[in-house]
Amino acid sequence: MEARAITRHVGVPATKLRQLIDHIRLKPVEEALSILRFSPRPVAKVVEKTLRSAIANAINQDIENPIDADELFVVTVFADEGRELKRIRPRARGSADRISKRQSHLTIIVGDQLN
């Protein structure tokens, strides 16, 4: 059984998000939560919140056959590029530089067995 959680429009570029999620891929959820809890990166809180949502979705998915959270693994986790907000920074002599504020979409899938 698998469950997923998606967080859209995370205010971090996908490349920076991928550096963090590579550490939790194919790990038990308890170990992944401890890695995220002690990570110094600010985006770790967003990833931890999404992982907790995926765990809750897995537990509440089948009420007749409840699954224990200790048995879950992070099966798949990936970050896609989202929208790019374009801003302008004024520069000398009337010119301007373009600033791109990148966003990303985070998807975490947890399951009771690794594929």
PDB file of N, CA and C in Angstrom:
ATOM      1  N   MET A   1       0.836  -1.163   0.000  1.00  0.00           N
ATOM      2  CA  MET A   1       0.000   0.000   0.000  1.00  0.00           C
ATOM      3  C   MET A   1       0.893   1.242   0.000  1.00  0.00           C
ATOM      4  N   GLU A   2       0.530   2.190  -0.819  1.00  0.00           N
ATOM      5  CA  GLU A   2       1.301   3.431  -0.937  1.00  0.00           C
ATOM      6  C   GLU A   2       0.379   4.628  -0.712  1.00  0.00           C
ATOM      7  N   ALA A   3       0.986   5.697  -0.208  1.00  0.00           N
ATOM      8  CA  ALA A   3       0.265   6.955  -0.021  1.00  0.00           C
ATOM      9  C   ALA A   3       1.200   8.081  -0.409  1.00  0.00           C
ATOM     10  N   ARG A   4       0.617   9.179  -0.857  1.00  0.00           N
ATOM     11  CA  ARG A   4       1.439  10.287  -1.316  1.00  0.00           C
ATOM     12  C   ARG A   4       0.989  11.595  -0.700  1.00  0.00           C
ATOM     13  N   ALA A   5       1.925  12.540  -0.711  1.00  0.00           N
ATOM     14  CA  ALA A   5       1.637  13.910  -0.292  1.00  0.00           C
ATOM     15  C   ALA A   5       2.397  14.832  -1.229  1.00  0.00           C
ATOM     16  N   ILE A   6       1.741  15.910  -1.635  1.00  0.00           N
ATOM     17  CA  ILE A   6       2.323  16.851  -2.583  1.00  0.00           C
ATOM     18  C   ILE A   6       2.270  18.246  -1.973  1.00  0.00           C
ATOM     19  N   THR A   7       3.384  18.939  -2.042  1.00  0.00           N
ATOM     20  CA  THR A   7       3.439  20.336  -1.631  1.00  0.00           C
ATOM     21  C   THR A   7       3.855  21.149  -2.843  1.00  0.00           C
ATOM     22  N   ARG A   8       3.045  22.101  -3.213  1.00  0.00           N
ATOM     23  CA  ARG A   8       3.327  22.904  -4.394  1.00  0.00           C
ATOM     24  C   ARG A   8       3.792  24.299  -3.995  1.00  0.00           C
ATOM     25  N   HIS A   9       4.517  24.925  -4.900  1.00  0.00           N
ATOM     26  CA  HIS A   9       4.992  26.305  -4.758  1.00  0.00           C
ATOM     27  C   HIS A   9       5.872  26.502  -3.523  1.00  0.00           C
ATOM     28  N   VAL A  10       6.812  25.572  -3.339  1.00  0.00           N
ATOM     29  CA  VAL A  10       7.802  25.735  -2.278  1.00  0.00           C
ATOM     30  C   VAL A  10       8.775  26.814  -2.754  1.00  0.00           C
ATOM     31  N   GLY A  11       9.073  27.767  -1.902  1.00  0.00           N
ATOM     32  CA  GLY A  11       9.867  28.920  -2.313  1.00  0.00           C
ATOM     33  C   GLY A  11      11.356  28.676  -2.372  1.00  0.00           C
ATOM     34  N   VAL A  12      11.756  27.515  -2.867  1.00  0.00           N
ATOM     35  CA  VAL A  12      13.162  27.132  -2.975  1.00  0.00           C
ATOM     36  C   VAL A  12      13.365  26.530  -4.361  1.00  0.00           C
ATOM     37  N   PRO A  13      14.497  26.797  -5.004  1.00  0.00           N
ATOM     38  CA  PRO A  13      14.743  26.159  -6.306  1.00  0.00           C
ATOM     39  C   PRO A  13      14.804  24.637  -6.179  1.00  0.00           C
ATOM     40  N   ALA A  14      14.428  23.948  -7.233  1.00  0.00           N
ATOM     41  CA  ALA A  14      14.394  22.486  -7.213  1.00  0.00           C
ATOM     42  C   ALA A  14      15.781  21.891  -6.993  1.00  0.00           C
ATOM     43  N   THR A  15      16.829  22.571  -7.456  1.00  0.00           N
ATOM     44  CA  THR A  15      18.176  22.026  -7.269  1.00  0.00           C
ATOM     45  C   THR A  15      18.556  21.981  -5.792  1.00  0.00           C
ATOM     46  N   LYS A  16      18.206  23.015  -5.034  1.00  0.00           N
ATOM     47  CA  LYS A  16      18.506  23.021  -3.602  1.00  0.00           C
ATOM     48  C   LYS A  16      17.635  22.017  -2.858  1.00  0.00           C
ATOM     49  N   LEU A  17      16.417  21.838  -3.314  1.00  0.00           N
ATOM     50  CA  LEU A  17      15.528  20.872  -2.687  1.00  0.00           C
ATOM     51  C   LEU A  17      16.000  19.446  -2.955  1.00  0.00           C
ATOM     52  N   ARG A  18      16.499  19.183  -4.146  1.00  0.00           N
ATOM     53  CA  ARG A  18      16.988  17.847  -4.490  1.00  0.00           C
ATOM     54  C   ARG A  18      18.208  17.448  -3.667  1.00  0.00           C
ATOM     55  N   GLN A  19      19.033  18.420  -3.282  1.00  0.00           N
ATOM     56  CA  GLN A  19      20.191  18.112  -2.445  1.00  0.00           C
ATOM     57  C   GLN A  19      19.754  17.539  -1.107  1.00  0.00           C
ATOM     58  N   LEU A  20      18.633  17.991  -0.579  1.00  0.00           N
ATOM     59  CA  LEU A  20      18.147  17.509   0.704  1.00  0.00           C
ATOM     60  C   LEU A  20      17.397  16.191   0.571  1.00  0.00           C
ATOM     61  N   ILE A  21      16.557  16.064  -0.445  1.00  0.00           N
ATOM     62  CA  ILE A  21      15.716  14.866  -0.524  1.00  0.00           C
ATOM     63  C   ILE A  21      16.509  13.636  -0.953  1.00  0.00           C
ATOM     64  N   ASP A  22      17.700  13.811  -1.488  1.00  0.00           N
ATOM     65  CA  ASP A  22      18.534  12.652  -1.809  1.00  0.00           C
ATOM     66  C   ASP A  22      18.944  11.897  -0.546  1.00  0.00           C
ATOM     67  N   HIS A  23      18.950  12.565   0.600  1.00  0.00           N
ATOM     68  CA  HIS A  23      19.362  11.929   1.852  1.00  0.00           C
ATOM     69  C   HIS A  23      18.271  11.046   2.452  1.00  0.00           C
ATOM     70  N   ILE A  24      17.006  11.262   2.088  1.00  0.00           N
ATOM     71  CA  ILE A  24      15.924  10.504   2.718  1.00  0.00           C
ATOM     72  C   ILE A  24      15.319   9.451   1.794  1.00  0.00           C
ATOM     73  N   ARG A  25      15.752   9.392   0.570  1.00  0.00           N
ATOM     74  CA  ARG A  25      15.182   8.435  -0.386  1.00  0.00           C
ATOM     75  C   ARG A  25      15.504   7.001   0.029  1.00  0.00           C
ATOM     76  N   LEU A  26      14.492   6.111  -0.011  1.00  0.00           N
ATOM     77  CA  LEU A  26      14.597   4.680   0.299  1.00  0.00           C
ATOM     78  C   LEU A  26      15.006   4.409   1.745  1.00  0.00           C
ATOM     79  N   LYS A  27      14.614   5.284   2.654  1.00  0.00           N
ATOM     80  CA  LYS A  27      14.916   5.095   4.072  1.00  0.00           C
ATOM     81  C   LYS A  27      13.618   4.867   4.839  1.00  0.00           C
ATOM     82  N   PRO A  28      13.681   4.205   5.993  1.00  0.00           N
ATOM     83  CA  PRO A  28      12.481   4.124   6.844  1.00  0.00           C
ATOM     84  C   PRO A  28      12.054   5.529   7.277  1.00  0.00           C
ATOM     85  N   VAL A  29      10.766   5.709   7.507  1.00  0.00           N
ATOM     86  CA  VAL A  29      10.264   7.054   7.774  1.00  0.00           C
ATOM     87  C   VAL A  29      10.808   7.616   9.082  1.00  0.00           C
ATOM     88  N   GLU A  30      11.036   6.780  10.082  1.00  0.00           N
ATOM     89  CA  GLU A  30      11.587   7.278  11.342  1.00  0.00           C
ATOM     90  C   GLU A  30      12.992   7.835  11.137  1.00  0.00           C
ATOM     91  N   GLU A  31      13.796   7.127  10.351  1.00  0.00           N
ATOM     92  CA  GLU A  31      15.151   7.604  10.057  1.00  0.00           C
ATOM     93  C   GLU A  31      15.113   8.871   9.206  1.00  0.00           C
ATOM     94  N   ALA A  32      14.187   8.922   8.248  1.00  0.00           N
ATOM     95  CA  ALA A  32      14.058  10.112   7.403  1.00  0.00           C
ATOM     96  C   ALA A  32      13.629  11.322   8.220  1.00  0.00           C
ATOM     97  N   LEU A  33      12.718  11.122   9.179  1.00  0.00           N
ATOM     98  CA  LEU A  33      12.291  12.230  10.030  1.00  0.00           C
ATOM     99  C   LEU A  33      13.426  12.738  10.914  1.00  0.00           C
ATOM    100  N   SER A  34      14.248  11.821  11.402  1.00  0.00           N
ATOM    101  CA  SER A  34      15.374  12.264  12.234  1.00  0.00           C
ATOM    102  C   SER A  34      16.424  12.989  11.402  1.00  0.00           C
ATOM    103  N   ILE A  35      16.624  12.575  10.158  1.00  0.00           N
ATOM    104  CA  ILE A  35      17.557  13.286   9.273  1.00  0.00           C
ATOM    105  C   ILE A  35      17.055  14.702   9.016  1.00  0.00           C
ATOM    106  N   LEU A  36      15.762  14.835   8.759  1.00  0.00           N
ATOM    107  CA  LEU A  36      15.194  16.154   8.485  1.00  0.00           C
ATOM    108  C   LEU A  36      15.159  17.035   9.726  1.00  0.00           C
ATOM    109  N   ARG A  37      14.927  16.415  10.877  1.00  0.00           N
ATOM    110  CA  ARG A  37      14.846  17.188  12.119  1.00  0.00           C
ATOM    111  C   ARG A  37      16.169  17.861  12.450  1.00  0.00           C
ATOM    112  N   PHE A  38      17.289  17.201  12.152  1.00  0.00           N
ATOM    113  CA  PHE A  38      18.601  17.739  12.491  1.00  0.00           C
ATOM    114  C   PHE A  38      19.321  18.367  11.311  1.00  0.00           C
ATOM    115  N   SER A  39      18.623  18.552  10.213  1.00  0.00           N
ATOM    116  CA  SER A  39      19.226  19.192   9.050  1.00  0.00           C
ATOM    117  C   SER A  39      19.282  20.707   9.254  1.00  0.00           C
ATOM    118  N   PRO A  40      20.396  21.354   8.892  1.00  0.00           N
ATOM    119  CA  PRO A  40      20.487  22.801   9.086  1.00  0.00           C
ATOM    120  C   PRO A  40      19.777  23.618   8.006  1.00  0.00           C
ATOM    121  N   ARG A  41      19.299  22.986   6.959  1.00  0.00           N
ATOM    122  CA  ARG A  41      18.681  23.719   5.859  1.00  0.00           C
ATOM    123  C   ARG A  41      17.270  24.174   6.227  1.00  0.00           C
ATOM    124  N   PRO A  42      16.905  25.394   5.882  1.00  0.00           N
ATOM    125  CA  PRO A  42      15.561  25.898   6.218  1.00  0.00           C
ATOM    126  C   PRO A  42      14.433  25.130   5.531  1.00  0.00           C
ATOM    127  N   VAL A  43      14.696  24.583   4.352  1.00  0.00           N
ATOM    128  CA  VAL A  43      13.642  23.880   3.614  1.00  0.00           C
ATOM    129  C   VAL A  43      13.349  22.511   4.231  1.00  0.00           C
ATOM    130  N   ALA A  44      14.145  22.066   5.186  1.00  0.00           N
ATOM    131  CA  ALA A  44      13.928  20.766   5.821  1.00  0.00           C
ATOM    132  C   ALA A  44      12.590  20.724   6.555  1.00  0.00           C
ATOM    133  N   LYS A  45      12.131  21.859   7.070  1.00  0.00           N
ATOM    134  CA  LYS A  45      10.843  21.890   7.759  1.00  0.00           C
ATOM    135  C   LYS A  45       9.689  21.630   6.799  1.00  0.00           C
ATOM    136  N   VAL A  46       9.802  22.143   5.588  1.00  0.00           N
ATOM    137  CA  VAL A  46       8.759  21.917   4.581  1.00  0.00           C
ATOM    138  C   VAL A  46       8.740  20.447   4.168  1.00  0.00           C
ATOM    139  N   VAL A  47       9.919  19.865   3.982  1.00  0.00           N
ATOM    140  CA  VAL A  47      10.003  18.450   3.596  1.00  0.00           C
ATOM    141  C   VAL A  47       9.485  17.566   4.729  1.00  0.00           C
ATOM    142  N   GLU A  48       9.824  17.921   5.970  1.00  0.00           N
ATOM    143  CA  GLU A  48       9.346  17.140   7.117  1.00  0.00           C
ATOM    144  C   GLU A  48       7.827  17.205   7.234  1.00  0.00           C
ATOM    145  N   LYS A  49       7.256  18.359   7.007  1.00  0.00           N
ATOM    146  CA  LYS A  49       5.804  18.514   7.071  1.00  0.00           C
ATOM    147  C   LYS A  49       5.115  17.699   5.973  1.00  0.00           C
ATOM    148  N   THR A  50       5.698  17.684   4.784  1.00  0.00           N
ATOM    149  CA  THR A  50       5.134  16.894   3.689  1.00  0.00           C
ATOM    150  C   THR A  50       5.247  15.409   3.975  1.00  0.00           C
ATOM    151  N   LEU A  51       6.372  14.982   4.563  1.00  0.00           N
ATOM    152  CA  LEU A  51       6.552  13.572   4.911  1.00  0.00           C
ATOM    153  C   LEU A  51       5.555  13.153   5.986  1.00  0.00           C
ATOM    154  N   ARG A  52       5.331  14.002   6.972  1.00  0.00           N
ATOM    155  CA  ARG A  52       4.341  13.684   8.005  1.00  0.00           C
ATOM    156  C   ARG A  52       2.924  13.589   7.410  1.00  0.00           C
ATOM    157  N   SER A  53       2.630  14.401   6.421  1.00  0.00           N
ATOM    158  CA  SER A  53       1.342  14.326   5.742  1.00  0.00           C
ATOM    159  C   SER A  53       1.199  13.012   4.977  1.00  0.00           C
ATOM    160  N   ALA A  54       2.276  12.566   4.325  1.00  0.00           N
ATOM    161  CA  ALA A  54       2.232  11.298   3.596  1.00  0.00           C
ATOM    162  C   ALA A  54       2.054  10.127   4.560  1.00  0.00           C
ATOM    163  N   ILE A  55       2.684  10.194   5.731  1.00  0.00           N
ATOM    164  CA  ILE A  55       2.526   9.145   6.736  1.00  0.00           C
ATOM    165  C   ILE A  55       1.080   9.099   7.225  1.00  0.00           C
ATOM    166  N   ALA A  56       0.505  10.275   7.492  1.00  0.00           N
ATOM    167  CA  ALA A  56      -0.891  10.333   7.936  1.00  0.00           C
ATOM    168  C   ALA A  56      -1.839   9.824   6.856  1.00  0.00           C
ATOM    169  N   ASN A  57      -1.537  10.119   5.608  1.00  0.00           N
ATOM    170  CA  ASN A  57      -2.368   9.614   4.507  1.00  0.00           C
ATOM    171  C   ASN A  57      -2.299   8.093   4.427  1.00  0.00           C
ATOM    172  N   ALA A  58      -1.118   7.517   4.681  1.00  0.00           N
ATOM    173  CA  ALA A  58      -0.968   6.059   4.635  1.00  0.00           C
ATOM    174  C   ALA A  58      -1.721   5.396   5.784  1.00  0.00           C
ATOM    175  N   ILE A  59      -1.678   6.010   6.959  1.00  0.00           N
ATOM    176  CA  ILE A  59      -2.361   5.425   8.116  1.00  0.00           C
ATOM    177  C   ILE A  59      -3.875   5.490   7.938  1.00  0.00           C
ATOM    178  N   ASN A  60      -4.389   6.596   7.414  1.00  0.00           N
ATOM    179  CA  ASN A  60      -5.831   6.783   7.283  1.00  0.00           C
ATOM    180  C   ASN A  60      -6.409   6.265   5.979  1.00  0.00           C
ATOM    181  N   GLN A  61      -5.570   5.687   5.128  1.00  0.00           N
ATOM    182  CA  GLN A  61      -6.042   5.235   3.820  1.00  0.00           C
ATOM    183  C   GLN A  61      -6.971   4.034   3.947  1.00  0.00           C
ATOM    184  N   ASP A  62      -6.584   3.065   4.739  1.00  0.00           N
ATOM    185  CA  ASP A  62      -7.382   1.853   4.902  1.00  0.00           C
ATOM    186  C   ASP A  62      -7.674   1.674   6.388  1.00  0.00           C
ATOM    187  N   ILE A  63      -8.874   2.031   6.801  1.00  0.00           N
ATOM    188  CA  ILE A  63      -9.219   1.999   8.224  1.00  0.00           C
ATOM    189  C   ILE A  63      -9.408   0.564   8.709  1.00  0.00           C
ATOM    190  N   GLU A  64      -9.875  -0.320   7.851  1.00  0.00           N
ATOM    191  CA  GLU A  64     -10.123  -1.703   8.261  1.00  0.00           C
ATOM    192  C   GLU A  64      -8.820  -2.461   8.515  1.00  0.00           C
ATOM    193  N   ASN A  65      -7.789  -2.170   7.724  1.00  0.00           N
ATOM    194  CA  ASN A  65      -6.485  -2.793   7.914  1.00  0.00           C
ATOM    195  C   ASN A  65      -5.463  -1.709   8.208  1.00  0.00           C
ATOM    196  N   PRO A  66      -5.415  -1.237   9.457  1.00  0.00           N
ATOM    197  CA  PRO A  66      -4.488  -0.132   9.758  1.00  0.00           C
ATOM    198  C   PRO A  66      -3.036  -0.572   9.637  1.00  0.00           C
ATOM    199  N   ILE A  67      -2.228   0.347   9.193  1.00  0.00           N
ATOM    200  CA  ILE A  67      -0.806   0.071   9.011  1.00  0.00           C
ATOM    201  C   ILE A  67      -0.042   0.847  10.079  1.00  0.00           C
ATOM    202  N   ASP A  68       1.023   0.257  10.566  1.00  0.00           N
ATOM    203  CA  ASP A  68       1.838   0.900  11.587  1.00  0.00           C
ATOM    204  C   ASP A  68       2.834   1.837  10.911  1.00  0.00           C
ATOM    205  N   ALA A  69       3.043   2.997  11.506  1.00  0.00           N
ATOM    206  CA  ALA A  69       3.946   3.987  10.908  1.00  0.00           C
ATOM    207  C   ALA A  69       5.391   3.515  10.919  1.00  0.00           C
ATOM    208  N   ASP A  70       5.737   2.590  11.819  1.00  0.00           N
ATOM    209  CA  ASP A  70       7.116   2.097  11.877  1.00  0.00           C
ATOM    210  C   ASP A  70       7.463   1.201  10.694  1.00  0.00           C
ATOM    211  N   GLU A  71       6.454   0.704  10.001  1.00  0.00           N
ATOM    212  CA  GLU A  71       6.678  -0.198   8.872  1.00  0.00           C
ATOM    213  C   GLU A  71       6.821   0.532   7.540  1.00  0.00           C
ATOM    214  N   LEU A  72       6.669   1.840   7.533  1.00  0.00           N
ATOM    215  CA  LEU A  72       6.663   2.598   6.282  1.00  0.00           C
ATOM    216  C   LEU A  72       8.068   2.994   5.852  1.00  0.00           C
ATOM    217  N   PHE A  73       8.261   3.068   4.542  1.00  0.00           N
ATOM    218  CA  PHE A  73       9.501   3.507   3.923  1.00  0.00           C
ATOM    219  C   PHE A  73       9.209   4.669   2.983  1.00  0.00           C
ATOM    220  N   VAL A  74      10.196   5.500   2.730  1.00  0.00           N
ATOM    221  CA  VAL A  74      10.089   6.540   1.720  1.00  0.00           C
ATOM    222  C   VAL A  74      10.398   5.870   0.380  1.00  0.00           C
ATOM    223  N   VAL A  75       9.365   5.532  -0.359  1.00  0.00           N
ATOM    224  CA  VAL A  75       9.536   4.799  -1.612  1.00  0.00           C
ATOM    225  C   VAL A  75      10.056   5.717  -2.706  1.00  0.00           C
ATOM    226  N   THR A  76       9.386   6.852  -2.886  1.00  0.00           N
ATOM    227  CA  THR A  76       9.763   7.789  -3.939  1.00  0.00           C
ATOM    228  C   THR A  76       9.664   9.198  -3.390  1.00  0.00           C
ATOM    229  N   VAL A  77      10.636  10.014  -3.734  1.00  0.00           N
ATOM    230  CA  VAL A  77      10.580  11.431  -3.401  1.00  0.00           C
ATOM    231  C   VAL A  77      11.245  12.184  -4.541  1.00  0.00           C
ATOM    232  N   PHE A  78      10.563  13.205  -5.051  1.00  0.00           N
ATOM    233  CA  PHE A  78      11.152  13.987  -6.137  1.00  0.00           C
ATOM    234  C   PHE A  78      10.662  15.422  -6.081  1.00  0.00           C
ATOM    235  N   ALA A  79      11.459  16.289  -6.672  1.00  0.00           N
ATOM    236  CA  ALA A  79      11.150  17.715  -6.726  1.00  0.00           C
ATOM    237  C   ALA A  79      11.131  18.154  -8.186  1.00  0.00           C
ATOM    238  N   ASP A  80      10.025  18.735  -8.586  1.00  0.00           N
ATOM    239  CA  ASP A  80       9.882  19.272  -9.933  1.00  0.00           C
ATOM    240  C   ASP A  80       9.975  20.789  -9.876  1.00  0.00           C
ATOM    241  N   GLU A  81      10.355  21.373 -10.997  1.00  0.00           N
ATOM    242  CA  GLU A  81      10.420  22.831 -11.049  1.00  0.00           C
ATOM    243  C   GLU A  81       9.015  23.403 -11.166  1.00  0.00           C
ATOM    244  N   GLY A  82       8.797  24.457 -10.426  1.00  0.00           N
ATOM    245  CA  GLY A  82       7.500  25.125 -10.456  1.00  0.00           C
ATOM    246  C   GLY A  82       7.598  26.427 -11.227  1.00  0.00           C
ATOM    247  N   ARG A  83       6.802  27.366 -10.802  1.00  0.00           N
ATOM    248  CA  ARG A  83       6.734  28.655 -11.462  1.00  0.00           C
ATOM    249  C   ARG A  83       7.982  29.479 -11.157  1.00  0.00           C
ATOM    250  N   GLU A  84       8.330  30.350 -12.070  1.00  0.00           N
ATOM    251  CA  GLU A  84       9.471  31.248 -11.890  1.00  0.00           C
ATOM    252  C   GLU A  84       8.954  32.685 -11.855  1.00  0.00           C
ATOM    253  N   LEU A  85       9.134  33.332 -10.719  1.00  0.00           N
ATOM    254  CA  LEU A  85       8.718  34.729 -10.596  1.00  0.00           C
ATOM    255  C   LEU A  85       9.856  35.618 -11.073  1.00  0.00           C
ATOM    256  N   LYS A  86       9.554  36.539 -11.965  1.00  0.00           N
ATOM    257  CA  LYS A  86      10.578  37.406 -12.530  1.00  0.00           C
ATOM    258  C   LYS A  86      10.496  38.779 -11.888  1.00  0.00           C
ATOM    259  N   ARG A  87      11.619  39.231 -11.393  1.00  0.00           N
ATOM    260  CA  ARG A  87      11.714  40.531 -10.746  1.00  0.00           C
ATOM    261  C   ARG A  87      12.813  41.345 -11.420  1.00  0.00           C
ATOM    262  N   ILE A  88      12.806  42.649 -11.174  1.00  0.00           N
ATOM    263  CA  ILE A  88      13.803  43.540 -11.784  1.00  0.00           C
ATOM    264  C   ILE A  88      14.532  44.290 -10.676  1.00  0.00           C
ATOM    265  N   ARG A  89      15.860  44.330 -10.780  1.00  0.00           N
ATOM    266  CA  ARG A  89      16.684  45.095  -9.852  1.00  0.00           C
ATOM    267  C   ARG A  89      17.271  46.281 -10.618  1.00  0.00           C
ATOM    268  N   PRO A  90      16.991  47.487 -10.186  1.00  0.00           N
ATOM    269  CA  PRO A  90      17.556  48.661 -10.861  1.00  0.00           C
ATOM    270  C   PRO A  90      19.076  48.695 -10.723  1.00  0.00           C
ATOM    271  N   ARG A  91      19.741  49.103 -11.797  1.00  0.00           N
ATOM    272  CA  ARG A  91      21.204  49.203 -11.802  1.00  0.00           C
ATOM    273  C   ARG A  91      21.600  50.606 -12.259  1.00  0.00           C
ATOM    274  N   ALA A  92      22.868  50.779 -12.396  1.00  0.00           N
ATOM    275  CA  ALA A  92      23.391  52.109 -12.725  1.00  0.00           C
ATOM    276  C   ALA A  92      23.012  52.533 -14.148  1.00  0.00           C
ATOM    277  N   ARG A  93      22.925  53.841 -14.347  1.00  0.00           N
ATOM    278  CA  ARG A  93      22.681  54.466 -15.651  1.00  0.00           C
ATOM    279  C   ARG A  93      21.383  54.022 -16.303  1.00  0.00           C
ATOM    280  N   GLY A  94      20.382  53.760 -15.498  1.00  0.00           N
ATOM    281  CA  GLY A  94      19.064  53.444 -16.035  1.00  0.00           C
ATOM    282  C   GLY A  94      18.886  52.027 -16.534  1.00  0.00           C
ATOM    283  N   SER A  95      19.857  51.167 -16.327  1.00  0.00           N
ATOM    284  CA  SER A  95      19.699  49.783 -16.772  1.00  0.00           C
ATOM    285  C   SER A  95      19.076  48.960 -15.643  1.00  0.00           C
ATOM    286  N   ALA A  96      18.820  47.697 -15.913  1.00  0.00           N
ATOM    287  CA  ALA A  96      18.191  46.822 -14.922  1.00  0.00           C
ATOM    288  C   ALA A  96      18.669  45.394 -15.130  1.00  0.00           C
ATOM    289  N   ASP A  97      18.716  44.653 -14.037  1.00  0.00           N
ATOM    290  CA  ASP A  97      19.029  43.225 -14.078  1.00  0.00           C
ATOM    291  C   ASP A  97      17.763  42.445 -13.756  1.00  0.00           C
ATOM    292  N   ARG A  98      17.630  41.298 -14.395  1.00  0.00           N
ATOM    293  CA  ARG A  98      16.488  40.435 -14.137  1.00  0.00           C
ATOM    294  C   ARG A  98      16.841  39.448 -13.028  1.00  0.00           C
ATOM    295  N   ILE A  99      15.950  39.307 -12.051  1.00  0.00           N
ATOM    296  CA  ILE A  99      16.106  38.344 -10.967  1.00  0.00           C
ATOM    297  C   ILE A  99      14.991  37.328 -11.105  1.00  0.00           C
ATOM    298  N   SER A 100      15.353  36.044 -11.041  1.00  0.00           N
ATOM    299  CA  SER A 100      14.337  34.999 -11.116  1.00  0.00           C
ATOM    300  C   SER A 100      14.242  34.307  -9.768  1.00  0.00           C
ATOM    301  N   LYS A 101      13.054  34.321  -9.208  1.00  0.00           N
ATOM    302  CA  LYS A 101      12.793  33.641  -7.941  1.00  0.00           C
ATOM    303  C   LYS A 101      12.108  32.335  -8.288  1.00  0.00           C
ATOM    304  N   ARG A 102      12.844  31.261  -8.144  1.00  0.00           N
ATOM    305  CA  ARG A 102      12.351  29.947  -8.566  1.00  0.00           C
ATOM    306  C   ARG A 102      11.568  29.257  -7.469  1.00  0.00           C
ATOM    307  N   GLN A 103      10.574  28.479  -7.881  1.00  0.00           N
ATOM    308  CA  GLN A 103       9.768  27.687  -6.960  1.00  0.00           C
ATOM    309  C   GLN A 103       9.834  26.234  -7.401  1.00  0.00           C
ATOM    310  N   SER A 104       9.369  25.339  -6.554  1.00  0.00           N
ATOM    311  CA  SER A 104       9.389  23.923  -6.895  1.00  0.00           C
ATOM    312  C   SER A 104       8.185  23.218  -6.288  1.00  0.00           C
ATOM    313  N   HIS A 105       7.913  22.026  -6.795  1.00  0.00           N
ATOM    314  CA  HIS A 105       6.840  21.173  -6.314  1.00  0.00           C
ATOM    315  C   HIS A 105       7.473  19.903  -5.737  1.00  0.00           C
ATOM    316  N   LEU A 106       7.077  19.529  -4.523  1.00  0.00           N
ATOM    317  CA  LEU A 106       7.636  18.376  -3.825  1.00  0.00           C
ATOM    318  C   LEU A 106       6.601  17.270  -3.736  1.00  0.00           C
ATOM    319  N   THR A 107       6.996  16.052  -4.103  1.00  0.00           N
ATOM    320  CA  THR A 107       6.120  14.884  -4.017  1.00  0.00           C
ATOM    321  C   THR A 107       6.835  13.799  -3.231  1.00  0.00           C
ATOM    322  N   ILE A 108       6.161  13.270  -2.209  1.00  0.00           N
ATOM    323  CA  ILE A 108       6.712  12.187  -1.397  1.00  0.00           C
ATOM    324  C   ILE A 108       5.711  11.046  -1.408  1.00  0.00           C
ATOM    325  N   ILE A 109       6.181   9.832  -1.718  1.00  0.00           N
ATOM    326  CA  ILE A 109       5.355   8.629  -1.710  1.00  0.00           C
ATOM    327  C   ILE A 109       5.944   7.669  -0.687  1.00  0.00           C
ATOM    328  N   VAL A 110       5.126   7.251   0.275  1.00  0.00           N
ATOM    329  CA  VAL A 110       5.559   6.276   1.277  1.00  0.00           C
ATOM    330  C   VAL A 110       4.787   4.987   1.060  1.00  0.00           C
ATOM    331  N   GLY A 111       5.431   3.878   1.414  1.00  0.00           N
ATOM    332  CA  GLY A 111       4.801   2.575   1.274  1.00  0.00           C
ATOM    333  C   GLY A 111       5.316   1.619   2.321  1.00  0.00           C
ATOM    334  N   ASP A 112       4.643   0.457   2.427  1.00  0.00           N
ATOM    335  CA  ASP A 112       5.052  -0.504   3.439  1.00  0.00           C
ATOM    336  C   ASP A 112       6.131  -1.459   2.944  1.00  0.00           C
ATOM    337  N   GLN A 113       6.457  -1.388   1.659  1.00  0.00           N
ATOM    338  CA  GLN A 113       7.545  -2.212   1.137  1.00  0.00           C
ATOM    339  C   GLN A 113       8.241  -1.466   0.012  1.00  0.00           C
ATOM    340  N   LEU A 114       9.548  -1.703  -0.089  1.00  0.00           N
ATOM    341  CA  LEU A 114      10.319  -1.078  -1.155  1.00  0.00           C
ATOM    342  C   LEU A 114      10.148  -1.868  -2.431  1.00  0.00           C
ATOM    343  N   ASN A 115      10.054  -1.175  -3.554  1.00  0.00           N
ATOM    344  CA  ASN A 115       9.884  -1.849  -4.848  1.00  0.00           C
ATOM    345  C   ASN A 115      11.216  -2.163  -5.457  1.00  0.00           C
TER     346      ASN A 115
END
